[in-house]
């Protein structure tokens, strides 16, 4: 669930808001008179970017899903590069 804070609330306690966002991985919707923005931890943003990138590769999502559903014995301990 997204936490909602006004820009004034965030401004008054920015460091604690940043720390909590990074710790809990809960996005913060910051509301203002002109615009609204979402604060995320950098770790969460990096994960989103990676997911978006992987979704641009044809058949990547279905390949990952197939691998997740495959029995463990289908995988080898020996990987040849």
N, C-alpha and C. Protein backbone atom coordinates (compact mmCIF):
# COMPACT_ATOMS: atom_id res chain seq x y z
N UNK A 1 0.85 -1.18 0.00
CA UNK A 1 0.00 0.00 0.00
C UNK A 1 0.89 1.24 0.00
N UNK A 2 0.51 2.21 -0.77
CA UNK A 2 1.30 3.42 -0.89
C UNK A 2 0.97 4.40 0.22
N UNK A 3 2.00 4.89 0.85
CA UNK A 3 1.84 5.91 1.88
C UNK A 3 1.66 7.25 1.17
N UNK A 4 0.78 8.11 1.67
CA UNK A 4 0.53 9.42 1.07
C UNK A 4 0.94 10.50 2.06
N UNK A 5 1.75 11.44 1.57
CA UNK A 5 2.21 12.56 2.40
C UNK A 5 2.18 13.83 1.57
N UNK A 6 1.93 14.95 2.22
CA UNK A 6 2.01 16.22 1.52
C UNK A 6 3.47 16.62 1.38
N UNK A 7 3.74 17.50 0.44
CA UNK A 7 5.11 17.96 0.25
C UNK A 7 5.62 18.66 1.51
N UNK A 8 4.73 19.33 2.24
CA UNK A 8 5.12 19.99 3.49
C UNK A 8 5.54 18.98 4.54
N UNK A 9 4.81 17.87 4.64
CA UNK A 9 5.16 16.82 5.60
C UNK A 9 6.52 16.21 5.25
N UNK A 10 6.74 15.96 3.98
CA UNK A 10 8.01 15.37 3.55
C UNK A 10 9.15 16.34 3.79
N UNK A 11 8.94 17.59 3.45
CA UNK A 11 9.99 18.61 3.61
C UNK A 11 10.42 18.72 5.07
N UNK A 12 9.48 18.60 5.98
CA UNK A 12 9.78 18.74 7.41
C UNK A 12 10.57 17.56 7.97
N UNK A 13 10.54 16.43 7.26
CA UNK A 13 11.16 15.22 7.81
C UNK A 13 11.80 14.38 6.71
N UNK A 14 12.42 15.02 5.75
CA UNK A 14 12.89 14.35 4.53
C UNK A 14 13.82 13.17 4.81
N UNK A 15 14.76 13.33 5.72
CA UNK A 15 15.73 12.24 5.96
C UNK A 15 15.05 11.01 6.53
N UNK A 16 14.14 11.20 7.46
CA UNK A 16 13.42 10.06 8.02
C UNK A 16 12.50 9.42 6.99
N UNK A 17 11.86 10.23 6.15
CA UNK A 17 11.00 9.69 5.09
C UNK A 17 11.84 8.86 4.12
N UNK A 18 13.01 9.36 3.76
CA UNK A 18 13.90 8.62 2.87
C UNK A 18 14.34 7.30 3.51
N UNK A 19 14.74 7.36 4.77
CA UNK A 19 15.19 6.15 5.48
C UNK A 19 14.07 5.11 5.55
N UNK A 20 12.88 5.56 5.90
CA UNK A 20 11.75 4.64 6.01
C UNK A 20 11.38 4.03 4.66
N UNK A 21 11.44 4.84 3.62
CA UNK A 21 11.12 4.35 2.27
C UNK A 21 12.12 3.28 1.85
N UNK A 22 13.39 3.51 2.12
CA UNK A 22 14.42 2.54 1.77
C UNK A 22 14.29 1.27 2.60
N UNK A 23 13.95 1.41 3.88
CA UNK A 23 13.85 0.26 4.79
C UNK A 23 12.62 -0.60 4.50
N UNK A 24 11.47 0.04 4.30
CA UNK A 24 10.21 -0.70 4.16
C UNK A 24 9.89 -1.08 2.72
N UNK A 25 10.56 -0.45 1.76
CA UNK A 25 10.27 -0.67 0.34
C UNK A 25 8.83 -0.29 -0.01
N UNK A 26 8.27 0.61 0.78
CA UNK A 26 6.91 1.11 0.54
C UNK A 26 7.03 2.46 -0.16
N UNK A 27 6.46 2.60 -1.37
CA UNK A 27 6.52 3.90 -2.04
C UNK A 27 5.74 4.96 -1.27
N UNK A 28 6.14 6.21 -1.46
CA UNK A 28 5.47 7.34 -0.83
C UNK A 28 4.93 8.25 -1.93
N UNK A 29 3.63 8.46 -1.94
CA UNK A 29 3.02 9.42 -2.86
C UNK A 29 3.10 10.78 -2.19
N UNK A 30 3.84 11.69 -2.83
CA UNK A 30 4.01 13.04 -2.29
C UNK A 30 3.09 13.95 -3.09
N UNK A 31 2.14 14.56 -2.38
CA UNK A 31 1.15 15.40 -3.05
C UNK A 31 1.51 16.88 -2.88
N UNK A 32 1.34 17.61 -3.95
CA UNK A 32 1.60 19.05 -3.92
C UNK A 32 0.51 19.81 -4.64
N UNK A 33 0.60 21.12 -4.60
CA UNK A 33 -0.41 21.95 -5.26
C UNK A 33 -0.33 21.84 -6.78
N UNK A 34 0.89 21.70 -7.31
CA UNK A 34 1.06 21.66 -8.76
C UNK A 34 1.18 20.25 -9.32
N UNK A 35 1.83 19.36 -8.59
CA UNK A 35 2.07 18.01 -9.08
C UNK A 35 2.14 17.02 -7.93
N UNK A 36 2.01 15.76 -8.28
CA UNK A 36 2.23 14.66 -7.35
C UNK A 36 3.40 13.84 -7.88
N UNK A 37 4.20 13.28 -6.98
CA UNK A 37 5.31 12.41 -7.36
C UNK A 37 5.33 11.21 -6.43
N UNK A 38 6.06 10.20 -6.84
CA UNK A 38 6.21 9.00 -6.01
C UNK A 38 7.68 8.86 -5.65
N UNK A 39 7.96 8.65 -4.36
CA UNK A 39 9.31 8.41 -3.89
C UNK A 39 9.47 6.90 -3.71
N UNK A 40 10.56 6.37 -4.29
CA UNK A 40 10.92 4.96 -4.16
C UNK A 40 12.35 4.86 -3.71
N UNK A 41 12.71 3.75 -3.10
CA UNK A 41 14.12 3.53 -2.82
C UNK A 41 14.83 3.26 -4.14
N UNK A 42 16.12 3.54 -4.18
CA UNK A 42 16.88 3.29 -5.41
C UNK A 42 16.87 1.80 -5.74
N UNK A 43 16.95 0.97 -4.72
CA UNK A 43 16.91 -0.48 -4.93
C UNK A 43 15.63 -0.90 -5.65
N UNK A 44 14.49 -0.35 -5.21
CA UNK A 44 13.21 -0.67 -5.83
C UNK A 44 13.15 -0.13 -7.26
N UNK A 45 13.66 1.08 -7.48
CA UNK A 45 13.66 1.65 -8.82
C UNK A 45 14.51 0.80 -9.75
N UNK A 46 15.68 0.36 -9.28
CA UNK A 46 16.54 -0.49 -10.11
C UNK A 46 15.83 -1.79 -10.49
N UNK A 47 15.09 -2.36 -9.54
CA UNK A 47 14.35 -3.60 -9.82
C UNK A 47 13.26 -3.35 -10.86
N UNK A 48 12.59 -2.22 -10.78
CA UNK A 48 11.56 -1.88 -11.76
C UNK A 48 12.18 -1.71 -13.14
N UNK A 49 13.30 -1.00 -13.21
CA UNK A 49 13.98 -0.82 -14.49
C UNK A 49 14.41 -2.15 -15.09
N UNK A 50 14.93 -3.05 -14.27
CA UNK A 50 15.34 -4.36 -14.76
C UNK A 50 14.15 -5.15 -15.29
N UNK A 51 13.05 -5.11 -14.55
CA UNK A 51 11.84 -5.80 -14.99
C UNK A 51 11.34 -5.24 -16.32
N UNK A 52 11.32 -3.92 -16.44
CA UNK A 52 10.89 -3.30 -17.69
C UNK A 52 11.79 -3.71 -18.84
N UNK A 53 13.11 -3.74 -18.59
CA UNK A 53 14.05 -4.14 -19.62
C UNK A 53 13.82 -5.60 -20.03
N UNK A 54 13.69 -6.49 -19.05
CA UNK A 54 13.50 -7.90 -19.36
C UNK A 54 12.21 -8.13 -20.14
N UNK A 55 11.20 -7.32 -19.87
CA UNK A 55 9.93 -7.46 -20.60
C UNK A 55 10.03 -7.01 -22.05
N UNK A 56 11.10 -6.31 -22.41
CA UNK A 56 11.28 -5.91 -23.81
C UNK A 56 11.90 -7.02 -24.64
N UNK A 57 12.46 -8.03 -24.00
CA UNK A 57 13.10 -9.15 -24.71
C UNK A 57 12.01 -10.16 -25.08
N UNK A 58 11.86 -10.43 -26.38
CA UNK A 58 10.80 -11.35 -26.81
C UNK A 58 10.90 -12.70 -26.10
N UNK A 59 9.78 -13.19 -25.64
CA UNK A 59 9.63 -14.51 -25.00
C UNK A 59 10.35 -14.64 -23.65
N UNK A 60 10.90 -13.57 -23.12
CA UNK A 60 11.63 -13.67 -21.86
C UNK A 60 10.69 -14.05 -20.71
N UNK A 61 9.54 -13.41 -20.62
CA UNK A 61 8.61 -13.69 -19.52
C UNK A 61 8.15 -15.14 -19.55
N UNK A 62 7.81 -15.65 -20.73
CA UNK A 62 7.35 -17.04 -20.80
C UNK A 62 8.49 -18.00 -20.51
N UNK A 63 9.71 -17.67 -20.91
CA UNK A 63 10.87 -18.51 -20.62
C UNK A 63 11.13 -18.60 -19.11
N UNK A 64 11.03 -17.46 -18.44
CA UNK A 64 11.22 -17.44 -16.98
C UNK A 64 10.12 -18.25 -16.30
N UNK A 65 8.89 -18.09 -16.75
CA UNK A 65 7.76 -18.83 -16.16
C UNK A 65 7.94 -20.33 -16.36
N UNK A 66 8.37 -20.74 -17.55
CA UNK A 66 8.59 -22.16 -17.81
C UNK A 66 9.68 -22.71 -16.89
N UNK A 67 10.75 -21.94 -16.71
CA UNK A 67 11.85 -22.38 -15.85
C UNK A 67 11.41 -22.50 -14.40
N UNK A 68 10.57 -21.57 -13.97
CA UNK A 68 10.09 -21.61 -12.59
C UNK A 68 9.22 -22.84 -12.34
N UNK A 69 8.50 -23.28 -13.37
CA UNK A 69 7.59 -24.42 -13.23
C UNK A 69 8.27 -25.75 -13.52
N UNK A 70 9.49 -25.74 -14.01
CA UNK A 70 10.19 -26.98 -14.37
C UNK A 70 10.66 -27.71 -13.11
N UNK A 71 10.63 -29.03 -13.15
CA UNK A 71 11.13 -29.81 -12.01
C UNK A 71 12.64 -29.60 -11.84
N UNK A 72 13.10 -29.67 -10.61
CA UNK A 72 14.52 -29.44 -10.31
C UNK A 72 15.43 -30.39 -11.07
N UNK A 73 14.97 -31.62 -11.33
CA UNK A 73 15.85 -32.58 -11.99
C UNK A 73 16.16 -32.21 -13.44
N UNK A 74 15.44 -31.23 -14.00
CA UNK A 74 15.74 -30.78 -15.35
C UNK A 74 16.98 -29.90 -15.41
N UNK A 75 17.46 -29.47 -14.27
CA UNK A 75 18.61 -28.58 -14.23
C UNK A 75 19.85 -29.35 -13.85
N UNK A 76 20.95 -29.00 -14.46
CA UNK A 76 22.21 -29.67 -14.24
C UNK A 76 23.08 -28.88 -13.26
N UNK A 77 23.86 -29.60 -12.49
CA UNK A 77 24.83 -28.96 -11.60
C UNK A 77 26.02 -28.44 -12.41
N UNK A 78 26.26 -29.07 -13.55
CA UNK A 78 27.41 -28.71 -14.39
C UNK A 78 26.98 -27.75 -15.48
N UNK A 79 27.52 -26.56 -15.41
CA UNK A 79 27.20 -25.54 -16.41
C UNK A 79 28.44 -25.34 -17.27
N UNK A 80 28.29 -25.52 -18.56
CA UNK A 80 29.42 -25.31 -19.48
C UNK A 80 29.23 -23.98 -20.19
N UNK A 81 30.20 -23.12 -20.00
CA UNK A 81 30.14 -21.82 -20.64
C UNK A 81 30.94 -21.91 -21.87
